Amino acid sequence: MRIFENRVPRFICQIYEVQTPTEAEALVAMGVDHIGSVFMAGDAPSNRRVGETIAAVRCAGARSSLIPLFSEPERVLDALADLKPDFVHFCEALGPDPDADVPIADLVALQRTVRRHFPTIRIIRSIPIGTPGRADSVPTLELAARFSPVSDLFLTDTLLDGGGHGDGEPVAGFVGITGETCDWDMARRLVVHSPLPVILAGGISPQNALEGLLRVRPFGIDSCSRTNAVDGDGKPVRFRKDYRKVAQLLEAVRRAEGRLGDGG
């Protein structure tokens, strides 16, 4: 078994949801490695500059990741042919009995099709993990085993809906942007058992990134909700980053690297 525990003092930092070239360029200049964008079904306003954003990331020397919030093969292939990201990221909310609602075989077949048509685009698959103390409600390791042959990286994320239907998630049917941490003990088990590198996501903030990196020892770290700007009620605003929070997150990542470099 090849274990992708991060023993080298360097973590990949990935930031979602970045939908404009200006924001992408600023984040890359700060030191972010992967810039993630979301492509929604239909003619969503947030889609309109995603292609420009991906091109800006490429010119800035970083890597782009695209989440399509749909899974129809033809639509996915068309989006990838048009946008040409470095990574495509699939994040359906798979739960205790995923075959009951989103057949795993169909999603595995989709990833296989993507790999055949776009061999240079790497595939990220979100592997859901329950909230702290509820990891047993989600078959995390079993899902990872099913998807590992057709994926290049895994990304942990927090599944709130223990029933596995995905209706209780912020975006129905998909895992992510909950702002809640997943069970880090299970995330650590995934790192140890996975044949692929694992990026730690799920409620990652400047305040908990150091602890998460040192406990889980993933390949990298990902943040969305907890590095967003907030509205007047203190709620995260989608598609708008807070550069101060991102800078603090990057500082925490560098501290974790320093601790590992010192043998911590």
C-alpha atoms as a PDB file:
ATOM      1  CA  MET A   1       0.000   0.000   0.000  1.00  0.00           C
ATOM      2  CA  ARG A   2       1.318   3.426  -0.915  1.00  0.00           C
ATOM      3  CA  ILE A   3       0.576   5.930   1.831  1.00  0.00           C
ATOM      4  CA  PHE A   4       0.354   9.594   0.820  1.00  0.00           C
ATOM      5  CA  GLU A   5       0.874  10.930   4.321  1.00  0.00           C
ATOM      6  CA  ASN A   6       2.536  14.294   3.939  1.00  0.00           C
ATOM      7  CA  ARG A   7       5.990  13.871   5.451  1.00  0.00           C
ATOM      8  CA  VAL A   8       7.493  16.667   3.346  1.00  0.00           C
ATOM      9  CA  PRO A   9       7.041  20.185   4.785  1.00  0.00           C
ATOM     10  CA  ARG A  10       4.999  21.539   1.857  1.00  0.00           C
ATOM     11  CA  PHE A  11       1.212  21.598   1.599  1.00  0.00           C
ATOM     12  CA  ILE A  12      -0.866  22.465  -1.445  1.00  0.00           C
ATOM     13  CA  CYS A  13      -3.328  25.278  -0.692  1.00  0.00           C
ATOM     14  CA  GLN A  14      -6.576  25.347  -2.668  1.00  0.00           C
ATOM     15  CA  ILE A  15      -9.219  28.069  -2.489  1.00  0.00           C
ATOM     16  CA  TYR A  16     -12.822  27.826  -3.765  1.00  0.00           C
ATOM     17  CA  GLU A  17     -15.209  29.473  -5.043  1.00  0.00           C
ATOM     18  CA  VAL A  18     -13.318  31.958  -7.240  1.00  0.00           C
ATOM     19  CA  GLN A  19     -15.311  33.191 -10.225  1.00  0.00           C
ATOM     20  CA  THR A  20     -13.416  36.255 -11.537  1.00  0.00           C
ATOM     21  CA  PRO A  21      -9.955  36.763 -13.062  1.00  0.00           C
ATOM     22  CA  THR A  22      -9.177  39.672 -10.741  1.00  0.00           C
ATOM     23  CA  GLU A  23      -9.782  37.629  -7.611  1.00  0.00           C
ATOM     24  CA  ALA A  24      -7.907  34.628  -9.030  1.00  0.00           C
ATOM     25  CA  GLU A  25      -4.838  36.710  -9.890  1.00  0.00           C
ATOM     26  CA  ALA A  26      -4.785  38.277  -6.426  1.00  0.00           C
ATOM     27  CA  LEU A  27      -4.984  34.882  -4.711  1.00  0.00           C
ATOM     28  CA  VAL A  28      -2.224  33.365  -6.837  1.00  0.00           C
ATOM     29  CA  ALA A  29      -0.022  36.378  -6.053  1.00  0.00           C
ATOM     30  CA  MET A  30      -0.610  35.682  -2.355  1.00  0.00           C
ATOM     31  CA  GLY A  31       0.658  32.107  -2.749  1.00  0.00           C
ATOM     32  CA  VAL A  32      -2.454  29.985  -3.399  1.00  0.00           C
ATOM     33  CA  ASP A  33      -1.593  26.906  -5.491  1.00  0.00           C
ATOM     34  CA  HIS A  34      -5.000  25.766  -6.788  1.00  0.00           C
ATOM     35  CA  ILE A  35      -7.875  28.089  -7.667  1.00  0.00           C
ATOM     36  CA  GLY A  36     -11.291  26.426  -7.748  1.00  0.00           C
ATOM     37  CA  SER A  37     -14.333  27.661  -9.664  1.00  0.00           C
ATOM     38  CA  VAL A  38     -17.920  26.409  -9.825  1.00  0.00           C
ATOM     39  CA  PHE A  39     -19.884  25.908 -13.035  1.00  0.00           C
ATOM     40  CA  MET A  40     -23.615  25.765 -12.403  1.00  0.00           C
ATOM     41  CA  ALA A  41     -26.409  24.328 -14.484  1.00  0.00           C
ATOM     42  CA  GLY A  42     -28.080  26.791 -16.841  1.00  0.00           C
ATOM     43  CA  ASP A  43     -26.990  30.328 -17.561  1.00  0.00           C
ATOM     44  CA  ALA A  44     -26.043  31.255 -13.992  1.00  0.00           C
ATOM     45  CA  PRO A  45     -24.486  34.732 -13.646  1.00  0.00           C
ATOM     46  CA  SER A  46     -21.516  33.231 -11.790  1.00  0.00           C
ATOM     47  CA  ASN A  47     -20.668  31.097 -14.865  1.00  0.00           C
ATOM     48  CA  ARG A  48     -20.021  33.964 -17.189  1.00  0.00           C
ATOM     49  CA  ARG A  49     -16.417  34.707 -16.301  1.00  0.00           C
ATOM     50  CA  VAL A  50     -15.279  31.227 -15.323  1.00  0.00           C
ATOM     51  CA  GLY A  51     -13.435  30.677 -18.595  1.00  0.00           C
ATOM     52  CA  GLU A  52     -11.573  33.966 -18.145  1.00  0.00           C
ATOM     53  CA  THR A  53     -10.795  32.986 -14.560  1.00  0.00           C
ATOM     54  CA  ILE A  54      -9.300  29.646 -15.596  1.00  0.00           C
ATOM     55  CA  ALA A  55      -7.205  31.385 -18.280  1.00  0.00           C
ATOM     56  CA  ALA A  56      -5.982  33.929 -15.718  1.00  0.00           C
ATOM     57  CA  VAL A  57      -4.953  31.169 -13.317  1.00  0.00           C
ATOM     58  CA  ARG A  58      -2.971  29.480 -16.090  1.00  0.00           C
ATOM     59  CA  CYS A  59      -1.201  32.726 -17.015  1.00  0.00           C
ATOM     60  CA  ALA A  60      -0.378  33.345 -13.344  1.00  0.00           C
ATOM     61  CA  GLY A  61       1.355  29.963 -13.076  1.00  0.00           C
ATOM     62  CA  ALA A  62      -1.122  28.227 -10.767  1.00  0.00           C
ATOM     63  CA  ARG A  63      -3.612  25.408 -11.383  1.00  0.00           C
ATOM     64  CA  SER A  64      -7.338  25.661 -11.940  1.00  0.00           C
ATOM     65  CA  SER A  65     -10.051  23.327 -10.683  1.00  0.00           C
ATOM     66  CA  LEU A  66     -13.629  23.243 -11.952  1.00  0.00           C
ATOM     67  CA  ILE A  67     -16.683  21.845 -10.149  1.00  0.00           C
ATOM     68  CA  PRO A  68     -19.571  21.175 -12.544  1.00  0.00           C
ATOM     69  CA  LEU A  69     -22.812  21.155 -10.554  1.00  0.00           C
ATOM     70  CA  PHE A  70     -24.319  18.613 -12.938  1.00  0.00           C
ATOM     71  CA  SER A  71     -23.327  15.099 -13.953  1.00  0.00           C
ATOM     72  CA  GLU A  72     -24.837  14.482 -17.380  1.00  0.00           C
ATOM     73  CA  PRO A  73     -21.880  13.161 -19.407  1.00  0.00           C
ATOM     74  CA  GLU A  74     -22.442  15.250 -22.535  1.00  0.00           C
ATOM     75  CA  ARG A  75     -22.767  18.473 -20.556  1.00  0.00           C
ATOM     76  CA  VAL A  76     -19.661  17.690 -18.514  1.00  0.00           C
ATOM     77  CA  LEU A  77     -17.625  16.912 -21.632  1.00  0.00           C
ATOM     78  CA  ASP A  78     -18.816  20.088 -23.349  1.00  0.00           C
ATOM     79  CA  ALA A  79     -17.862  22.192 -20.327  1.00  0.00           C
ATOM     80  CA  LEU A  80     -14.392  20.658 -20.133  1.00  0.00           C
ATOM     81  CA  ALA A  81     -13.806  21.083 -23.879  1.00  0.00           C
ATOM     82  CA  ASP A  82     -14.774  24.752 -23.590  1.00  0.00           C
ATOM     83  CA  LEU A  83     -13.088  25.697 -20.313  1.00  0.00           C
ATOM     84  CA  LYS A  84     -10.014  23.407 -20.227  1.00  0.00           C
ATOM     85  CA  PRO A  85      -9.248  23.411 -16.463  1.00  0.00           C
ATOM     86  CA  ASP A  86      -6.295  21.560 -14.961  1.00  0.00           C
ATOM     87  CA  PHE A  87      -8.638  19.591 -12.674  1.00  0.00           C
ATOM     88  CA  VAL A  88     -12.283  18.621 -12.789  1.00  0.00           C
ATOM     89  CA  HIS A  89     -13.805  18.098  -9.366  1.00  0.00           C
ATOM     90  CA  PHE A  90     -16.873  15.906  -8.758  1.00  0.00           C
ATOM     91  CA  CYS A  91     -18.653  16.311  -5.426  1.00  0.00           C
ATOM     92  CA  GLU A  92     -21.995  14.500  -5.280  1.00  0.00           C
ATOM     93  CA  ALA A  93     -23.343  14.009  -1.743  1.00  0.00           C
ATOM     94  CA  LEU A  94     -22.875  10.259  -1.406  1.00  0.00           C
ATOM     95  CA  GLY A  95     -24.145   8.842   1.867  1.00  0.00           C
ATOM     96  CA  PRO A  96     -24.847   5.510   3.587  1.00  0.00           C
ATOM     97  CA  ASP A  97     -26.625   4.010   0.580  1.00  0.00           C
ATOM     98  CA  PRO A  98     -25.485   6.120  -2.380  1.00  0.00           C
ATOM     99  CA  ASP A  99     -26.718   3.594  -4.947  1.00  0.00           C
ATOM    100  CA  ALA A 100     -30.260   4.345  -3.780  1.00  0.00           C
ATOM    101  CA  ASP A 101     -30.170   7.909  -5.145  1.00  0.00           C
ATOM    102  CA  VAL A 102     -26.998   8.530  -7.147  1.00  0.00           C
ATOM    103  CA  PRO A 103     -25.763   5.235  -8.561  1.00  0.00           C
ATOM    104  CA  ILE A 104     -22.037   4.999  -7.986  1.00  0.00           C
ATOM    105  CA  ALA A 105     -21.627   2.966 -11.164  1.00  0.00           C
ATOM    106  CA  ASP A 106     -22.875   5.933 -13.211  1.00  0.00           C
ATOM    107  CA  LEU A 107     -20.452   8.325 -11.529  1.00  0.00           C
ATOM    108  CA  VAL A 108     -17.532   5.931 -11.949  1.00  0.00           C
ATOM    109  CA  ALA A 109     -18.472   5.590 -15.621  1.00  0.00           C
ATOM    110  CA  LEU A 110     -18.580   9.381 -15.957  1.00  0.00           C
ATOM    111  CA  GLN A 111     -15.092   9.742 -14.538  1.00  0.00           C
ATOM    112  CA  ARG A 112     -13.839   6.976 -16.808  1.00  0.00           C
ATOM    113  CA  THR A 113     -15.352   8.799 -19.790  1.00  0.00           C
ATOM    114  CA  VAL A 114     -13.732  12.074 -18.759  1.00  0.00           C
ATOM    115  CA  ARG A 115     -10.369  10.362 -18.438  1.00  0.00           C
ATOM    116  CA  ARG A 116     -10.734   8.838 -21.895  1.00  0.00           C
ATOM    117  CA  HIS A 117     -11.686  12.114 -23.586  1.00  0.00           C
ATOM    118  CA  PHE A 118      -9.405  14.423 -21.584  1.00  0.00           C
ATOM    119  CA  PRO A 119      -6.345  12.440 -20.439  1.00  0.00           C
ATOM    120  CA  THR A 120      -4.478  15.588 -19.355  1.00  0.00           C
ATOM    121  CA  ILE A 121      -7.257  16.821 -17.036  1.00  0.00           C
ATOM    122  CA  ARG A 122      -6.827  15.334 -13.581  1.00  0.00           C
ATOM    123  CA  ILE A 123      -9.872  14.223 -11.588  1.00  0.00           C
ATOM    124  CA  ILE A 124     -10.639  15.203  -8.004  1.00  0.00           C
ATOM    125  CA  ARG A 125     -13.373  13.271  -6.216  1.00  0.00           C
ATOM    126  CA  SER A 126     -14.924  14.560  -2.986  1.00  0.00           C
ATOM    127  CA  ILE A 127     -15.145  11.787  -0.408  1.00  0.00           C
ATOM    128  CA  PRO A 128     -17.802  12.651   2.180  1.00  0.00           C
ATOM    129  CA  ILE A 129     -17.074  12.360   5.884  1.00  0.00           C
ATOM    130  CA  GLY A 130     -19.570  12.785   8.707  1.00  0.00           C
ATOM    131  CA  THR A 131     -19.348  15.541  11.289  1.00  0.00           C
ATOM    132  CA  PRO A 132     -17.171  14.937  14.370  1.00  0.00           C
ATOM    133  CA  GLY A 133     -18.446  11.916  16.279  1.00  0.00           C
ATOM    134  CA  ARG A 134     -20.695  10.825  13.384  1.00  0.00           C
ATOM    135  CA  ALA A 135     -18.119   9.430  10.985  1.00  0.00           C
ATOM    136  CA  ASP A 136     -19.646   5.956  11.193  1.00  0.00           C
ATOM    137  CA  SER A 137     -22.779   7.247   9.439  1.00  0.00           C
ATOM    138  CA  VAL A 138     -20.889   7.562   6.127  1.00  0.00           C
ATOM    139  CA  PRO A 139     -18.969   4.736   4.378  1.00  0.00           C
ATOM    140  CA  THR A 140     -15.976   6.963   3.679  1.00  0.00           C
ATOM    141  CA  LEU A 141     -13.330   4.297   3.123  1.00  0.00           C
ATOM    142  CA  GLU A 142     -15.652   2.148   1.037  1.00  0.00           C
ATOM    143  CA  LEU A 143     -16.474   5.097  -1.223  1.00  0.00           C
ATOM    144  CA  ALA A 144     -12.788   5.887  -1.600  1.00  0.00           C
ATOM    145  CA  ALA A 145     -12.112   2.300  -2.672  1.00  0.00           C
ATOM    146  CA  ARG A 146     -14.832   2.517  -5.339  1.00  0.00           C
ATOM    147  CA  PHE A 147     -13.555   5.767  -6.814  1.00  0.00           C
ATOM    148  CA  SER A 148      -9.788   5.391  -6.507  1.00  0.00           C
ATOM    149  CA  PRO A 149      -9.321   3.621  -9.890  1.00  0.00           C
ATOM    150  CA  VAL A 150     -10.886   6.573 -11.751  1.00  0.00           C
ATOM    151  CA  SER A 151      -9.594   9.495  -9.656  1.00  0.00           C
ATOM    152  CA  ASP A 152      -6.290  11.315  -9.229  1.00  0.00           C
ATOM    153  CA  LEU A 153      -6.907  13.080  -5.918  1.00  0.00           C
ATOM    154  CA  PHE A 154      -9.441  12.845  -3.127  1.00  0.00           C
ATOM    155  CA  LEU A 155     -10.850  15.780  -1.197  1.00  0.00           C
ATOM    156  CA  THR A 156     -12.565  15.292   2.147  1.00  0.00           C
ATOM    157  CA  ASP A 157     -15.737  17.227   2.788  1.00  0.00           C
ATOM    158  CA  THR A 158     -18.384  17.389   5.466  1.00  0.00           C
ATOM    159  CA  LEU A 159     -21.662  15.567   4.869  1.00  0.00           C
ATOM    160  CA  LEU A 160     -24.419  16.971   7.058  1.00  0.00           C
ATOM    161  CA  ASP A 161     -27.221  14.750   5.812  1.00  0.00           C
ATOM    162  CA  GLY A 162     -26.847  11.391   7.525  1.00  0.00           C
ATOM    163  CA  GLY A 163     -29.589   9.960   5.335  1.00  0.00           C
ATOM    164  CA  GLY A 164     -27.411  10.267   2.275  1.00  0.00           C
ATOM    165  CA  HIS A 165     -29.993  11.948   0.030  1.00  0.00           C
ATOM    166  CA  GLY A 166     -28.083  15.224  -0.106  1.00  0.00           C
ATOM    167  CA  ASP A 167     -31.240  17.273   0.470  1.00  0.00           C
ATOM    168  CA  GLY A 168     -29.882  18.663   3.733  1.00  0.00           C
ATOM    169  CA  GLU A 169     -26.728  20.089   2.161  1.00  0.00           C
ATOM    170  CA  PRO A 170     -26.301  23.792   1.277  1.00  0.00           C
ATOM    171  CA  VAL A 171     -26.423  22.803  -2.411  1.00  0.00           C
ATOM    172  CA  ALA A 172     -28.921  19.950  -2.677  1.00  0.00           C
ATOM    173  CA  GLY A 173     -27.330  16.763  -3.920  1.00  0.00           C
ATOM    174  CA  PHE A 174     -23.758  17.951  -3.470  1.00  0.00           C
ATOM    175  CA  VAL A 175     -21.356  17.899  -0.541  1.00  0.00           C
ATOM    176  CA  GLY A 176     -19.509  21.028   0.540  1.00  0.00           C
ATOM    177  CA  ILE A 177     -19.685  24.716   1.544  1.00  0.00           C
ATOM    178  CA  THR A 178     -21.162  23.784   4.922  1.00  0.00           C
ATOM    179  CA  GLY A 179     -18.596  25.726   6.941  1.00  0.00           C
ATOM    180  CA  GLU A 180     -18.536  22.713   9.302  1.00  0.00           C
ATOM    181  CA  THR A 181     -15.525  20.510   9.975  1.00  0.00           C
ATOM    182  CA  CYS A 182     -15.604  16.830   9.165  1.00  0.00           C
ATOM    183  CA  ASP A 183     -14.405  14.149  11.557  1.00  0.00           C
ATOM    184  CA  TRP A 184     -10.622  14.546  11.411  1.00  0.00           C
ATOM    185  CA  ASP A 185      -9.978  11.091  12.824  1.00  0.00           C
ATOM    186  CA  MET A 186     -11.764   9.618   9.804  1.00  0.00           C
ATOM    187  CA  ALA A 187      -9.942  12.058   7.526  1.00  0.00           C
ATOM    188  CA  ARG A 188      -6.693  10.762   8.980  1.00  0.00           C
ATOM    189  CA  ARG A 189      -7.806   7.176   8.307  1.00  0.00           C
ATOM    190  CA  LEU A 190      -8.542   8.129   4.720  1.00  0.00           C
ATOM    191  CA  VAL A 191      -5.037   9.582   4.319  1.00  0.00           C
ATOM    192  CA  VAL A 192      -3.499   6.395   5.704  1.00  0.00           C
ATOM    193  CA  HIS A 193      -5.581   3.987   3.620  1.00  0.00           C
ATOM    194  CA  SER A 194      -5.985   5.925   0.387  1.00  0.00           C
ATOM    195  CA  PRO A 195      -3.867   5.021  -2.661  1.00  0.00           C
ATOM    196  CA  LEU A 196      -4.297   8.665  -3.775  1.00  0.00           C
ATOM    197  CA  PRO A 197      -3.249  12.019  -2.293  1.00  0.00           C
ATOM    198  CA  VAL A 198      -5.925  13.565  -0.058  1.00  0.00           C
ATOM    199  CA  ILE A 199      -6.755  17.258   0.298  1.00  0.00           C
ATOM    200  CA  LEU A 200      -8.339  18.193   3.635  1.00  0.00           C
ATOM    201  CA  ALA A 201     -11.482  20.312   3.299  1.00  0.00           C
ATOM    202  CA  GLY A 202     -14.627  20.954   5.295  1.00  0.00           C
ATOM    203  CA  GLY A 203     -14.854  24.036   7.503  1.00  0.00           C
ATOM    204  CA  ILE A 204     -11.168  24.889   7.148  1.00  0.00           C
ATOM    205  CA  SER A 205     -10.385  28.357   8.505  1.00  0.00           C
ATOM    206  CA  PRO A 206      -7.312  30.348   9.517  1.00  0.00           C
ATOM    207  CA  GLN A 207      -8.070  29.340  13.102  1.00  0.00           C
ATOM    208  CA  ASN A 208      -8.104  25.545  12.627  1.00  0.00           C
ATOM    209  CA  ALA A 209      -5.864  24.967   9.598  1.00  0.00           C
ATOM    210  CA  LEU A 210      -2.692  24.407  11.632  1.00  0.00           C
ATOM    211  CA  GLU A 211      -4.300  21.769  13.854  1.00  0.00           C
ATOM    212  CA  GLY A 212      -5.985  20.071  10.901  1.00  0.00           C
ATOM    213  CA  LEU A 213      -2.775  19.800   8.910  1.00  0.00           C
ATOM    214  CA  LEU A 214      -0.765  18.445  11.820  1.00  0.00           C
ATOM    215  CA  ARG A 215      -3.438  15.927  12.835  1.00  0.00           C
ATOM    216  CA  VAL A 216      -4.438  14.661   9.395  1.00  0.00           C
ATOM    217  CA  ARG A 217      -1.141  15.106   7.460  1.00  0.00           C
ATOM    218  CA  PRO A 218      -2.886  15.443   4.082  1.00  0.00           C
ATOM    219  CA  PHE A 219      -1.406  16.335   0.706  1.00  0.00           C
ATOM    220  CA  GLY A 220      -2.975  19.765   0.935  1.00  0.00           C
ATOM    221  CA  ILE A 221      -5.739  21.899   2.355  1.00  0.00           C
ATOM    222  CA  ASP A 222      -8.834  23.511   0.860  1.00  0.00           C
ATOM    223  CA  SER A 223     -10.990  26.378   2.083  1.00  0.00           C
ATOM    224  CA  CYS A 224     -14.171  27.988   0.827  1.00  0.00           C
ATOM    225  CA  SER A 225     -16.803  29.239   3.285  1.00  0.00           C
ATOM    226  CA  ARG A 226     -14.398  30.150   6.082  1.00  0.00           C
ATOM    227  CA  THR A 227     -12.282  32.375   3.836  1.00  0.00           C
ATOM    228  CA  ASN A 228     -15.268  34.149   2.263  1.00  0.00           C
ATOM    229  CA  ALA A 229     -16.307  37.697   2.968  1.00  0.00           C
ATOM    230  CA  VAL A 230     -19.343  37.949   5.258  1.00  0.00           C
ATOM    231  CA  ASP A 231     -22.547  39.987   5.093  1.00  0.00           C
ATOM    232  CA  GLY A 232     -24.014  42.237   7.759  1.00  0.00           C
ATOM    233  CA  ASP A 233     -25.293  39.208   9.660  1.00  0.00           C
ATOM    234  CA  GLY A 234     -21.892  37.531   9.643  1.00  0.00           C
ATOM    235  CA  LYS A 235     -22.885  34.912   7.063  1.00  0.00           C
ATOM    236  CA  PRO A 236     -20.422  33.902   4.331  1.00  0.00           C
ATOM    237  CA  VAL A 237     -21.037  35.526   0.957  1.00  0.00           C
ATOM    238  CA  ARG A 238     -20.640  33.073  -1.910  1.00  0.00           C
ATOM    239  CA  PHE A 239     -18.129  33.908  -4.638  1.00  0.00           C
ATOM    240  CA  ARG A 240     -16.387  36.695  -2.700  1.00  0.00           C
ATOM    241  CA  LYS A 241     -13.165  36.042  -0.834  1.00  0.00           C
ATOM    242  CA  ASP A 242     -11.756  37.910   2.148  1.00  0.00           C
ATOM    243  CA  TYR A 243      -8.079  38.434   1.310  1.00  0.00           C
ATOM    244  CA  ARG A 244      -7.181  39.000   4.954  1.00  0.00           C
ATOM    245  CA  LYS A 245      -8.582  35.583   5.881  1.00  0.00           C
ATOM    246  CA  VAL A 246      -6.771  33.933   2.984  1.00  0.00           C
ATOM    247  CA  ALA A 247      -3.507  35.548   4.094  1.00  0.00           C
ATOM    248  CA  GLN A 248      -4.076  34.244   7.620  1.00  0.00           C
ATOM    249  CA  LEU A 249      -4.829  30.777   6.258  1.00  0.00           C
ATOM    250  CA  LEU A 250      -1.614  30.781   4.239  1.00  0.00           C
ATOM    251  CA  GLU A 251       0.278  31.876   7.343  1.00  0.00           C
ATOM    252  CA  ALA A 252      -1.180  28.892   9.241  1.00  0.00           C
ATOM    253  CA  VAL A 253      -0.132  26.577   6.404  1.00  0.00           C
ATOM    254  CA  ARG A 254       3.414  27.917   6.536  1.00  0.00           C
ATOM    255  CA  ARG A 255       3.470  27.391  10.305  1.00  0.00           C
ATOM    256  CA  ALA A 256       2.409  23.778   9.823  1.00  0.00           C
ATOM    257  CA  GLU A 257       5.170  23.313   7.268  1.00  0.00           C
ATOM    258  CA  GLY A 258       7.649  24.792   9.705  1.00  0.00           C
ATOM    259  CA  ARG A 259       6.500  22.463  12.465  1.00  0.00           C
ATOM    260  CA  LEU A 260       6.911  19.441  10.205  1.00  0.00           C
ATOM    261  CA  GLY A 261      10.276  20.704   9.020  1.00  0.00           C
ATOM    262  CA  ASP A 262      11.389  20.875  12.629  1.00  0.00           C
ATOM    263  CA  GLY A 263      10.234  17.303  13.206  1.00  0.00           C
ATOM    264  CA  GLY A 264       6.961  18.264  14.903  1.00  0.00           C
END
